[in-house]
């Protein structure tokens, strides 16, 4: 939790959050923060007036995020698993998570189903095969290197409304 909080407070991450918040505000009101960690992005989105759903695996990080939301009196819907969600979203944000998942393609398919027409998917990818990131699965290297193709296969297109800044991949449902 300490390392995540430290990373989230750095200037580069603050710029990324500001850019994502801008995109979300332009795209609609309903946002899913998938794998939201300590909740920093969800806090930024919710304090900007957006309707936010937050997903993180059960554990200390989830508990810490829940505490942070409650402390700020933010109305953020909390989930611990994607199958529990049946809402539709204007924007889904998934930062540095796909590389940790056993079957990332199944999550891309679910994101597509959860997005409203013209909805935006914002992705970023963590590094695989480095000692600092042991949670990132080596078996996902091929998937990650072909992510643009995988997105096209399910119908997600490059979003021309927003630039792929900060190593973000921004896709749109037609």
Protein backbone atom coordinates (compact mmCIF):
# COMPACT_ATOMS: atom_id res chain seq x y z
CA UNK A 1 0.00 0.00 0.00
CA UNK A 2 2.86 2.35 0.82
CA UNK A 3 4.52 1.84 -2.58
CA UNK A 4 1.23 2.41 -4.43
CA UNK A 5 0.51 5.55 -2.42
CA UNK A 6 4.00 6.86 -3.09
CA UNK A 7 3.67 6.20 -6.85
CA UNK A 8 0.20 7.81 -6.89
CA UNK A 9 1.54 10.98 -5.31
CA UNK A 10 4.28 11.49 -7.90
CA UNK A 11 3.90 14.30 -10.42
CA UNK A 12 3.81 11.99 -13.46
CA UNK A 13 0.92 9.96 -12.04
CA UNK A 14 -0.92 13.14 -11.07
CA UNK A 15 -0.66 14.30 -14.71
CA UNK A 16 -1.97 10.93 -15.91
CA UNK A 17 -4.93 11.14 -13.51
CA UNK A 18 -5.70 14.67 -14.64
CA UNK A 19 -5.70 13.56 -18.29
CA UNK A 20 -7.89 10.53 -17.56
CA UNK A 21 -10.30 12.68 -15.56
CA UNK A 22 -10.53 15.08 -18.52
CA UNK A 23 -11.32 12.18 -20.88
CA UNK A 24 -13.93 10.74 -18.52
CA UNK A 25 -15.68 14.09 -18.10
CA UNK A 26 -15.84 14.50 -21.90
CA UNK A 27 -17.10 10.93 -22.44
CA UNK A 28 -20.02 10.79 -20.03
CA UNK A 29 -20.80 10.36 -16.36
CA UNK A 30 -20.48 6.62 -15.60
CA UNK A 31 -16.92 5.30 -15.05
CA UNK A 32 -15.48 1.93 -14.02
CA UNK A 33 -12.03 1.98 -12.40
CA UNK A 34 -10.93 -1.63 -12.85
CA UNK A 35 -8.06 -2.68 -10.59
CA UNK A 36 -8.17 0.69 -8.88
CA UNK A 37 -5.56 -0.06 -6.21
CA UNK A 38 -5.62 2.48 -3.38
CA UNK A 39 -8.43 4.44 -5.05
CA UNK A 40 -6.46 7.53 -6.05
CA UNK A 41 -7.96 7.72 -9.55
CA UNK A 42 -11.47 6.97 -8.29
CA UNK A 43 -11.14 9.79 -5.76
CA UNK A 44 -10.11 12.18 -8.53
CA UNK A 45 -13.01 11.05 -10.72
CA UNK A 46 -15.62 11.15 -7.95
CA UNK A 47 -14.54 14.59 -6.69
CA UNK A 48 -14.94 15.79 -10.29
CA UNK A 49 -18.61 14.86 -10.10
CA UNK A 50 -18.46 11.57 -12.00
CA UNK A 51 -20.39 8.43 -11.06
CA UNK A 52 -17.64 5.89 -10.23
CA UNK A 53 -17.60 2.14 -9.74
CA UNK A 54 -14.37 0.73 -8.28
CA UNK A 55 -13.05 -2.83 -8.58
CA UNK A 56 -10.11 -4.25 -6.66
CA UNK A 57 -9.39 -7.72 -5.32
CA UNK A 58 -10.29 -8.33 -1.70
CA UNK A 59 -7.47 -7.47 0.67
CA UNK A 60 -5.68 -4.62 2.39
CA UNK A 61 -5.55 -2.43 -0.72
CA UNK A 62 -9.31 -2.74 -1.17
CA UNK A 63 -9.90 -1.98 2.52
CA UNK A 64 -7.62 1.05 2.34
CA UNK A 65 -9.43 2.40 -0.74
CA UNK A 66 -12.82 1.86 0.94
CA UNK A 67 -11.55 3.76 4.02
CA UNK A 68 -10.31 6.63 1.81
CA UNK A 69 -13.69 6.91 0.03
CA UNK A 70 -15.60 6.84 3.32
CA UNK A 71 -13.27 9.42 4.91
CA UNK A 72 -14.03 11.81 2.02
CA UNK A 73 -17.78 11.01 1.99
CA UNK A 74 -17.55 9.85 -1.63
CA UNK A 75 -20.31 7.77 -3.12
CA UNK A 76 -18.19 5.19 -4.96
CA UNK A 77 -19.68 1.75 -5.66
CA UNK A 78 -17.24 -0.98 -4.57
CA UNK A 79 -16.81 -4.39 -6.18
CA UNK A 80 -14.32 -7.21 -5.81
CA UNK A 81 -15.09 -9.08 -9.03
CA UNK A 82 -16.06 -8.13 -12.57
CA UNK A 83 -18.87 -10.73 -12.90
CA UNK A 84 -20.77 -8.88 -10.15
CA UNK A 85 -21.22 -5.87 -12.41
CA UNK A 86 -24.12 -5.43 -14.80
CA UNK A 87 -24.00 -1.66 -15.36
CA UNK A 88 -23.08 0.08 -18.61
CA UNK A 89 -20.20 2.53 -18.70
CA UNK A 90 -19.22 5.59 -20.67
CA UNK A 91 -15.57 4.96 -19.73
CA UNK A 92 -13.63 2.01 -18.33
CA UNK A 93 -10.14 2.59 -16.98
CA UNK A 94 -7.74 -0.34 -16.53
CA UNK A 95 -4.24 0.80 -15.57
CA UNK A 96 -1.39 -1.71 -15.24
CA UNK A 97 -3.73 -4.65 -14.63
CA UNK A 98 -4.07 -6.76 -17.81
CA UNK A 99 -0.53 -8.09 -17.45
CA UNK A 100 -1.41 -9.58 -14.04
CA UNK A 101 -4.46 -11.54 -15.21
CA UNK A 102 -4.57 -15.21 -16.15
CA UNK A 103 -6.84 -14.70 -19.16
CA UNK A 104 -6.68 -11.02 -20.15
CA UNK A 105 -8.68 -11.55 -23.36
CA UNK A 106 -11.76 -12.57 -21.34
CA UNK A 107 -11.51 -9.23 -19.50
CA UNK A 108 -11.25 -7.29 -22.77
CA UNK A 109 -14.40 -9.07 -23.97
CA UNK A 110 -16.22 -8.18 -20.75
CA UNK A 111 -15.09 -4.54 -21.00
CA UNK A 112 -16.51 -4.40 -24.53
CA UNK A 113 -19.87 -5.72 -23.29
CA UNK A 114 -19.94 -3.25 -20.40
CA UNK A 115 -19.17 -0.20 -22.56
CA UNK A 116 -22.02 1.88 -23.89
CA UNK A 117 -22.00 2.66 -27.64
CA UNK A 118 -19.13 5.11 -28.28
CA UNK A 119 -17.75 4.27 -24.82
CA UNK A 120 -14.05 4.72 -24.12
CA UNK A 121 -11.60 2.11 -22.80
CA UNK A 122 -8.38 3.50 -21.31
CA UNK A 123 -5.57 0.98 -20.83
CA UNK A 124 -2.00 1.09 -19.66
CA UNK A 125 0.38 -1.81 -19.47
CA UNK A 126 2.99 -2.61 -16.87
CA UNK A 127 6.26 -4.29 -17.67
CA UNK A 128 6.55 -8.07 -17.79
CA UNK A 129 9.69 -10.03 -17.00
CA UNK A 130 11.28 -7.56 -14.59
CA UNK A 131 12.27 -8.34 -11.01
CA UNK A 132 10.43 -5.24 -9.74
CA UNK A 133 7.12 -6.56 -11.12
CA UNK A 134 6.86 -10.26 -10.18
CA UNK A 135 3.04 -10.12 -10.29
CA UNK A 136 3.10 -9.47 -14.05
CA UNK A 137 2.72 -12.80 -15.83
CA UNK A 138 5.40 -13.80 -18.33
CA UNK A 139 2.72 -15.75 -20.20
CA UNK A 140 1.05 -12.43 -21.15
CA UNK A 141 3.96 -11.07 -23.22
CA UNK A 142 2.49 -12.19 -26.56
CA UNK A 143 -0.97 -10.87 -25.65
CA UNK A 144 0.40 -7.49 -24.58
CA UNK A 145 2.56 -7.08 -27.67
CA UNK A 146 -0.54 -7.65 -29.82
CA UNK A 147 -2.99 -5.67 -27.69
CA UNK A 148 -4.05 -3.33 -30.50
CA UNK A 149 -4.90 -6.33 -32.69
CA UNK A 150 -6.76 -8.04 -29.82
CA UNK A 151 -8.83 -4.90 -29.28
CA UNK A 152 -9.67 -4.71 -33.00
CA UNK A 153 -10.71 -8.38 -33.00
CA UNK A 154 -13.47 -7.68 -30.49
CA UNK A 155 -14.56 -4.43 -32.16
CA UNK A 156 -12.67 -1.76 -30.20
CA UNK A 157 -11.21 0.96 -32.41
CA UNK A 158 -8.52 3.56 -31.88
CA UNK A 159 -10.14 6.62 -30.33
CA UNK A 160 -9.40 9.70 -32.40
CA UNK A 161 -10.97 12.11 -29.89
CA UNK A 162 -8.06 11.78 -27.46
CA UNK A 163 -4.33 11.24 -27.92
CA UNK A 164 -2.55 8.16 -26.57
CA UNK A 165 -0.50 10.22 -24.09
CA UNK A 166 1.43 8.89 -21.08
CA UNK A 167 1.69 5.38 -22.60
CA UNK A 168 -2.08 5.07 -22.44
CA UNK A 169 -3.98 3.12 -25.05
CA UNK A 170 -7.35 4.72 -25.67
CA UNK A 171 -9.92 2.63 -27.51
CA UNK A 172 -13.53 3.25 -28.42
CA UNK A 173 -16.55 1.09 -28.96
CA UNK A 174 -18.35 2.00 -32.21
